[in-house]
């Protein structure tokens, strides 16, 4: 396995067995952006994603501001099938809210609670890469594997359904009706989402989310999130994201930029900055985070009952036996043709 050509062949072979399923050889994190991937983490895979962030919101017309910090988190687990994922996600914030309308006696209050806390499930309903025989990697040409394919414009599609829980008198949750219910009683409401994902060549990934939040309340909202990610190399990823929020209580357009660094196949660090372009309120936030995977996934079985690594060794041994046999002088016209095909030069040129 010291030969780099053998290593590339193994990677491509493993890719042919795993790229068209939910599970991937490296961690599949939704951080550092807000969008959700169409793909699940994989059956029997547990994952935690969390990170602290700063808060600085200023509402110029109302002369109010909020400054503080918080932490967002997600717990994800692949259950029963490769396509199914259950998750718990939330956002806890602690800040100081200041009302500056009175120049002589500004008022301050300290606030802390969950801005959101939800339990949900995501299911991949359409995977354009699954069982696509012609998409198997070309073991002889690195350049051919990076070539743009029009069929990649067809996205993977997942659906999500969840339940939000709000604590009683949560200061971050708008009242159902501030005149008839001045104290919010808390409770549950619902959310639903459609997520799509395109995996293009050269490390580009496009994810879109269309989300309805707080369904069945007087302050429901529609949101969209569009995230474009670019893998710079095997460890480093950059991303840009836009999020639109439309609702009677709150509307905004947020922008995020950042990156992530992979420390091994099960651990990732990330950072991002969030801002908008208005003053009702203005938003600025800086966050850092990490994702860690507990991988109990079993390798998929190929047709002959072996896993991907066993299949690679079987093919390597078969090729080695053929070469040894030919060295002993047992060549035939057919064997010569086969050997010539097997010894094609692998193209490492990416030009």
Protein backbone atom coordinates (compact mmCIF):
# COMPACT_ATOMS: atom_id res chain seq x y z
CA UNK A 1 0.00 0.00 0.00
CA UNK A 2 3.02 2.33 -0.17
CA UNK A 3 2.44 2.90 -3.89
CA UNK A 4 0.41 6.12 -4.38
CA UNK A 5 -1.33 4.56 -7.38
CA UNK A 6 -2.57 1.72 -5.18
CA UNK A 7 -3.76 4.27 -2.61
CA UNK A 8 -5.70 6.21 -5.27
CA UNK A 9 -7.27 2.99 -6.54
CA UNK A 10 -8.38 2.09 -3.01
CA UNK A 11 -9.87 5.53 -2.42
CA UNK A 12 -11.82 5.41 -5.67
CA UNK A 13 -12.97 1.86 -4.96
CA UNK A 14 -14.20 2.81 -1.50
CA UNK A 15 -15.90 5.81 -3.07
CA UNK A 16 -17.79 3.57 -5.47
CA UNK A 17 -19.26 1.64 -2.52
CA UNK A 18 -20.00 4.54 -0.17
CA UNK A 19 -20.59 7.74 -2.13
CA UNK A 20 -24.07 6.68 -3.21
CA UNK A 21 -25.24 5.92 0.34
CA UNK A 22 -25.77 8.19 3.32
CA UNK A 23 -22.58 7.28 5.17
CA UNK A 24 -19.30 8.96 4.23
CA UNK A 25 -15.75 8.12 5.27
CA UNK A 26 -15.36 11.55 6.92
CA UNK A 27 -17.69 13.50 9.19
CA UNK A 28 -20.73 15.09 7.51
CA UNK A 29 -21.41 18.26 9.52
CA UNK A 30 -24.02 21.00 9.00
CA UNK A 31 -21.70 23.56 10.59
CA UNK A 32 -20.64 26.31 10.34
CA UNK A 33 -23.66 27.54 8.37
CA UNK A 34 -27.36 27.35 9.26
CA UNK A 35 -28.49 25.18 6.35
CA UNK A 36 -29.14 21.45 6.71
CA UNK A 37 -27.63 18.89 4.35
CA UNK A 38 -30.01 16.66 2.41
CA UNK A 39 -28.00 13.62 3.51
CA UNK A 40 -28.20 11.91 6.89
CA UNK A 41 -25.17 11.01 9.01
CA UNK A 42 -25.56 7.29 8.30
CA UNK A 43 -27.09 4.36 10.13
CA UNK A 44 -25.75 3.87 13.69
CA UNK A 45 -23.72 7.08 13.53
CA UNK A 46 -24.02 9.62 16.36
CA UNK A 47 -22.85 13.19 15.97
CA UNK A 48 -22.61 16.31 18.12
CA UNK A 49 -22.20 19.80 16.64
CA UNK A 50 -21.86 22.81 18.94
CA UNK A 51 -20.20 26.17 19.35
CA UNK A 52 -20.30 29.51 21.21
CA UNK A 53 -21.20 32.80 19.53
CA UNK A 54 -21.28 36.51 20.31
CA UNK A 55 -24.38 38.74 20.10
CA UNK A 56 -24.59 42.40 19.09
CA UNK A 57 -27.99 43.65 17.91
CA UNK A 58 -28.90 47.34 17.65
CA UNK A 59 -32.34 48.69 16.69
CA UNK A 60 -31.67 52.30 15.68
CA UNK A 61 -35.27 53.60 15.37
CA UNK A 62 -36.32 52.09 18.72
CA UNK A 63 -33.00 52.97 20.39
CA UNK A 64 -32.53 49.50 21.86
CA UNK A 65 -29.55 47.16 21.86
CA UNK A 66 -28.64 43.68 23.02
CA UNK A 67 -25.13 42.42 23.74
CA UNK A 68 -24.11 39.03 25.05
CA UNK A 69 -23.20 35.50 24.06
CA UNK A 70 -24.75 32.11 23.49
CA UNK A 71 -24.23 28.56 22.30
CA UNK A 72 -25.93 26.59 19.56
CA UNK A 73 -25.92 22.80 19.36
CA UNK A 74 -27.23 19.82 17.44
CA UNK A 75 -27.34 16.11 18.30
CA UNK A 76 -27.81 13.87 15.26
CA UNK A 77 -28.27 10.11 14.98
CA UNK A 78 -28.82 7.78 12.02
CA UNK A 79 -31.67 5.42 12.92
CA UNK A 80 -33.08 2.27 11.26
CA UNK A 81 -32.20 3.21 7.65
CA UNK A 82 -29.37 5.01 5.90
CA UNK A 83 -31.82 7.69 4.76
CA UNK A 84 -33.29 8.52 8.20
CA UNK A 85 -31.86 10.86 10.81
CA UNK A 86 -33.33 12.08 14.09
CA UNK A 87 -31.96 15.22 15.72
CA UNK A 88 -32.25 17.66 18.59
CA UNK A 89 -31.10 21.20 17.97
CA UNK A 90 -31.18 24.39 19.97
CA UNK A 91 -29.83 27.86 20.58
CA UNK A 92 -29.31 29.22 24.12
CA UNK A 93 -28.61 32.93 24.57
CA UNK A 94 -27.58 35.14 27.50
CA UNK A 95 -27.51 38.90 26.95
CA UNK A 96 -28.12 42.37 28.38
CA UNK A 97 -30.98 44.26 26.74
CA UNK A 98 -30.77 48.06 26.98
CA UNK A 99 -33.56 50.56 26.25
CA UNK A 100 -32.06 53.99 25.47
CA UNK A 101 -35.26 55.89 24.70
CA UNK A 102 -34.93 57.80 27.95
CA UNK A 103 -31.68 59.74 27.79
CA UNK A 104 -31.56 60.30 31.56
CA UNK A 105 -32.61 56.87 32.81
CA UNK A 106 -31.89 54.07 30.29
CA UNK A 107 -33.27 50.72 31.36
CA UNK A 108 -31.33 47.46 31.35
CA UNK A 109 -32.47 43.89 31.86
CA UNK A 110 -30.49 40.67 31.76
CA UNK A 111 -32.05 37.90 29.69
CA UNK A 112 -31.34 34.21 29.23
CA UNK A 113 -33.27 31.36 27.66
CA UNK A 114 -33.52 29.12 24.62
CA UNK A 115 -34.20 31.11 21.48
CA UNK A 116 -35.18 27.80 19.92
CA UNK A 117 -35.25 24.14 20.94
CA UNK A 118 -36.53 21.50 18.53
CA UNK A 119 -36.83 17.75 18.07
CA UNK A 120 -37.11 16.55 14.49
CA UNK A 121 -36.49 13.89 11.86
CA UNK A 122 -35.07 14.14 8.33
CA UNK A 123 -35.52 11.61 5.55
CA UNK A 124 -33.85 11.49 2.13
CA UNK A 125 -36.63 10.92 -0.39
CA UNK A 126 -34.55 11.14 -3.56
CA UNK A 127 -30.88 10.39 -4.15
CA UNK A 128 -29.78 10.96 -7.78
CA UNK A 129 -26.47 9.16 -7.18
CA UNK A 130 -27.94 5.92 -5.87
CA UNK A 131 -27.53 2.86 -8.12
CA UNK A 132 -26.13 4.98 -10.95
CA UNK A 133 -23.77 2.52 -12.58
CA UNK A 134 -22.32 5.01 -15.04
CA UNK A 135 -21.24 7.24 -12.15
CA UNK A 136 -18.68 4.75 -10.84
CA UNK A 137 -15.23 6.41 -10.78
CA UNK A 138 -12.75 5.95 -13.58
CA UNK A 139 -9.82 4.12 -11.98
CA UNK A 140 -7.49 5.20 -14.79
CA UNK A 141 -8.13 8.94 -15.05
CA UNK A 142 -8.17 11.49 -12.25
CA UNK A 143 -9.12 14.18 -14.79
CA UNK A 144 -12.19 12.24 -15.97
CA UNK A 145 -13.48 12.00 -12.39
CA UNK A 146 -13.43 15.82 -12.05
CA UNK A 147 -15.18 16.52 -15.34
CA UNK A 148 -18.48 18.43 -15.08
CA UNK A 149 -21.57 16.29 -15.65
CA UNK A 150 -24.93 17.83 -16.52
CA UNK A 151 -26.76 15.17 -14.52
CA UNK A 152 -25.21 16.64 -11.34
CA UNK A 153 -27.69 19.51 -11.68
CA UNK A 154 -30.34 17.11 -10.39
CA UNK A 155 -30.23 17.51 -6.57
CA UNK A 156 -30.72 15.09 -3.72
CA UNK A 157 -33.95 15.94 -1.88
CA UNK A 158 -34.85 15.43 1.79
CA UNK A 159 -37.87 16.36 3.90
CA UNK A 160 -37.83 17.37 7.57
CA UNK A 161 -40.51 17.66 10.23
CA UNK A 162 -40.01 18.92 13.77
CA UNK A 163 -41.56 20.19 16.98
CA UNK A 164 -40.41 23.41 18.71
CA UNK A 165 -40.68 23.70 22.48
CA UNK A 166 -40.89 27.12 24.16
CA UNK A 167 -40.53 27.65 27.91
CA UNK A 168 -43.10 29.72 29.78
CA UNK A 169 -42.54 33.49 29.53
CA UNK A 170 -39.58 33.04 27.21
CA UNK A 171 -38.32 36.58 26.51
CA UNK A 172 -36.99 35.58 23.07
CA UNK A 173 -40.34 34.27 21.80
CA UNK A 174 -42.98 36.75 20.57
CA UNK A 175 -46.34 36.70 22.29
CA UNK A 176 -49.21 34.93 20.53
CA UNK A 177 -51.26 38.08 21.22
CA UNK A 178 -49.67 40.78 23.43
CA UNK A 179 -53.08 42.30 24.23
CA UNK A 180 -55.05 39.21 25.24
CA UNK A 181 -52.07 37.10 26.43
CA UNK A 182 -49.46 39.44 27.95
CA UNK A 183 -47.56 36.48 29.44
CA UNK A 184 -46.56 33.78 27.04
CA UNK A 185 -47.62 30.40 28.39
CA UNK A 186 -45.08 28.38 26.42
CA UNK A 187 -45.81 25.10 24.70
CA UNK A 188 -45.14 23.44 21.36
CA UNK A 189 -45.46 24.41 17.72
CA UNK A 190 -44.27 22.88 14.49
CA UNK A 191 -41.73 23.32 11.71
CA UNK A 192 -41.23 21.73 8.28
CA UNK A 193 -38.47 21.89 5.69
CA UNK A 194 -37.42 20.72 2.24
CA UNK A 195 -33.64 20.44 1.71
CA UNK A 196 -31.79 19.94 -1.57
CA UNK A 197 -28.12 19.26 -2.27
CA UNK A 198 -25.96 19.23 -5.40
CA UNK A 199 -22.45 17.74 -5.27
CA UNK A 200 -20.50 19.18 -8.18
CA UNK A 201 -16.99 18.32 -9.35
CA UNK A 202 -13.87 20.07 -8.02
CA UNK A 203 -15.21 20.23 -4.46
CA UNK A 204 -18.25 22.50 -4.96
CA UNK A 205 -21.44 21.75 -3.00
CA UNK A 206 -24.73 23.68 -3.17
CA UNK A 207 -27.33 23.27 -0.40
CA UNK A 208 -30.76 24.95 -0.28
CA UNK A 209 -33.36 24.87 2.52
CA UNK A 210 -36.98 26.03 2.36
CA UNK A 211 -38.42 26.21 5.86
CA UNK A 212 -41.70 27.04 7.60
CA UNK A 213 -41.13 27.97 11.26
CA UNK A 214 -43.58 28.05 14.19
CA UNK A 215 -46.48 26.66 12.20
CA UNK A 216 -49.88 26.96 13.96
CA UNK A 217 -48.96 30.24 15.72
CA UNK A 218 -49.67 33.90 14.96
CA UNK A 219 -45.96 34.53 14.32
CA UNK A 220 -45.10 31.83 11.79
CA UNK A 221 -42.43 32.66 9.21
CA UNK A 222 -41.05 31.41 5.91
CA UNK A 223 -37.30 31.10 5.52
CA UNK A 224 -34.89 30.14 2.78
CA UNK A 225 -31.17 29.38 3.12
CA UNK A 226 -28.70 29.00 0.24
CA UNK A 227 -25.19 27.74 1.03
CA UNK A 228 -22.28 27.33 -1.39
CA UNK A 229 -19.25 25.38 -0.15
CA UNK A 230 -15.84 24.92 -1.75
CA UNK A 231 -13.27 22.35 -0.62
CA UNK A 232 -9.83 23.95 -0.93
CA UNK A 233 -8.04 20.70 -0.13
CA UNK A 234 -8.71 17.50 1.85
CA UNK A 235 -8.83 19.41 5.18
CA UNK A 236 -9.93 23.00 4.51
CA UNK A 237 -13.39 24.20 3.35
CA UNK A 238 -14.75 27.72 2.73
CA UNK A 239 -18.43 28.68 2.51
CA UNK A 240 -20.79 31.59 1.82
CA UNK A 241 -24.45 31.67 2.79
CA UNK A 242 -27.55 33.85 2.55
CA UNK A 243 -30.65 33.46 4.72
CA UNK A 244 -33.96 35.18 4.12
CA UNK A 245 -36.66 35.43 6.82
CA UNK A 246 -40.19 36.63 6.06
CA UNK A 247 -42.79 36.98 8.80
CA UNK A 248 -45.22 39.43 10.38
CA UNK A 249 -43.14 39.63 13.56
CA UNK A 250 -39.63 39.57 12.10
CA UNK A 251 -38.08 39.79 8.64
CA UNK A 252 -34.41 39.90 7.69
CA UNK A 253 -31.72 39.02 5.19
CA UNK A 254 -28.61 37.56 6.81
CA UNK A 255 -25.22 36.80 5.27
CA UNK A 256 -22.57 34.37 6.56
CA UNK A 257 -19.01 33.61 5.57
CA UNK A 258 -16.52 31.26 7.14
CA UNK A 259 -14.67 28.00 6.93
CA UNK A 260 -13.98 24.64 8.52
CA UNK A 261 -10.90 22.51 9.10
CA UNK A 262 -10.95 18.71 9.31
CA UNK A 263 -8.81 17.17 12.08
CA UNK A 264 -9.08 13.49 11.21
CA UNK A 265 -12.14 11.80 9.76
CA UNK A 266 -14.33 12.26 12.88
CA UNK A 267 -13.50 15.77 14.14
CA UNK A 268 -13.99 19.22 12.62
CA UNK A 269 -13.40 22.82 13.79
CA UNK A 270 -15.13 25.83 12.22
CA UNK A 271 -15.75 29.56 12.42
CA UNK A 272 -18.12 32.04 10.74
CA UNK A 273 -19.30 35.64 10.86
CA UNK A 274 -22.97 36.70 10.45
CA UNK A 275 -24.26 40.17 9.56
CA UNK A 276 -27.08 42.01 7.82
CA UNK A 277 -27.49 45.36 6.05
CA UNK A 278 -30.35 47.03 7.94
CA UNK A 279 -30.77 48.78 11.32
CA UNK A 280 -34.12 47.33 12.49
CA UNK A 281 -32.12 45.75 14.04
CA UNK A 282 -28.55 45.54 12.79
CA UNK A 283 -27.01 42.12 13.44
CA UNK A 284 -23.41 41.09 13.94
CA UNK A 285 -22.29 37.74 15.33
CA UNK A 286 -19.04 35.77 15.43
CA UNK A 287 -19.09 32.07 16.18
CA UNK A 288 -16.66 29.19 16.66
CA UNK A 289 -17.62 25.55 16.78
CA UNK A 290 -16.72 21.90 16.59
CA UNK A 291 -18.29 18.70 15.32
CA UNK A 292 -17.49 15.20 16.55
CA UNK A 293 -18.70 11.85 15.23
CA UNK A 294 -19.20 8.54 17.05
CA UNK A 295 -18.98 6.07 14.20
CA UNK A 296 -20.65 2.68 14.74
CA UNK A 297 -21.51 2.26 11.09
CA UNK A 298 -20.79 -1.09 9.44
CA UNK A 299 -19.32 -1.21 5.94
CA UNK A 300 -21.90 -2.01 3.25
CA UNK A 301 -21.70 -5.50 1.81
CA UNK A 302 -20.95 -5.91 -1.88
CA UNK A 303 -22.42 -8.61 -4.10
CA UNK A 304 -19.94 -11.32 -3.14
CA UNK A 305 -20.58 -10.82 0.60
CA UNK A 306 -17.37 -8.94 1.43
CA UNK A 307 -16.90 -5.37 2.53
CA UNK A 308 -15.11 -2.68 0.51
CA UNK A 309 -11.65 -3.32 1.99
CA UNK A 310 -11.94 -7.09 1.46
CA UNK A 311 -13.08 -6.48 -2.10
CA UNK A 312 -10.03 -4.30 -2.79
CA UNK A 313 -7.70 -6.98 -1.42
CA UNK A 314 -9.50 -9.65 -3.47
CA UNK A 315 -9.06 -7.69 -6.69
CA UNK A 316 -5.42 -6.87 -5.89
CA UNK A 317 -4.64 -10.54 -5.21
CA UNK A 318 -6.39 -11.59 -8.41
CA UNK A 319 -4.34 -9.14 -10.47
CA UNK A 320 -1.14 -10.22 -8.71
CA UNK A 321 -1.84 -13.91 -9.45
CA UNK A 322 -2.43 -13.15 -13.12
CA UNK A 323 0.88 -11.29 -13.36
CA UNK A 324 2.75 -14.14 -11.69
CA UNK A 325 1.14 -16.64 -14.02
CA UNK A 326 2.14 -14.64 -17.08
CA UNK A 327 5.74 -14.42 -15.83
CA UNK A 328 5.85 -18.22 -15.78
CA UNK A 329 5.29 -18.29 -19.56
CA UNK A 330 1.61 -19.18 -19.65
CA UNK A 331 0.67 -16.28 -21.91
CA UNK A 332 -2.07 -16.74 -24.43
CA UNK A 333 -3.39 -14.22 -26.98
CA UNK A 334 -6.36 -13.53 -24.73
CA UNK A 335 -4.16 -13.15 -21.65
CA UNK A 336 -1.93 -10.70 -23.50
CA UNK A 337 -4.89 -8.52 -24.37
CA UNK A 338 -6.19 -8.57 -20.83
CA UNK A 339 -2.79 -7.74 -19.40
CA UNK A 340 -2.43 -4.80 -21.78
CA UNK A 341 -5.80 -3.42 -20.56
CA UNK A 342 -4.83 -3.89 -16.92
CA UNK A 343 -1.59 -1.95 -17.33
CA UNK A 344 -3.16 1.24 -18.62
CA UNK A 345 -1.40 4.29 -17.27
CA UNK A 346 -3.32 6.10 -14.56
CA UNK A 347 -3.73 9.75 -15.47
CA UNK A 348 -2.78 11.98 -12.53
CA UNK A 349 -2.72 15.12 -14.68
CA UNK A 350 -5.45 17.61 -13.69
CA UNK A 351 -4.75 20.09 -16.40
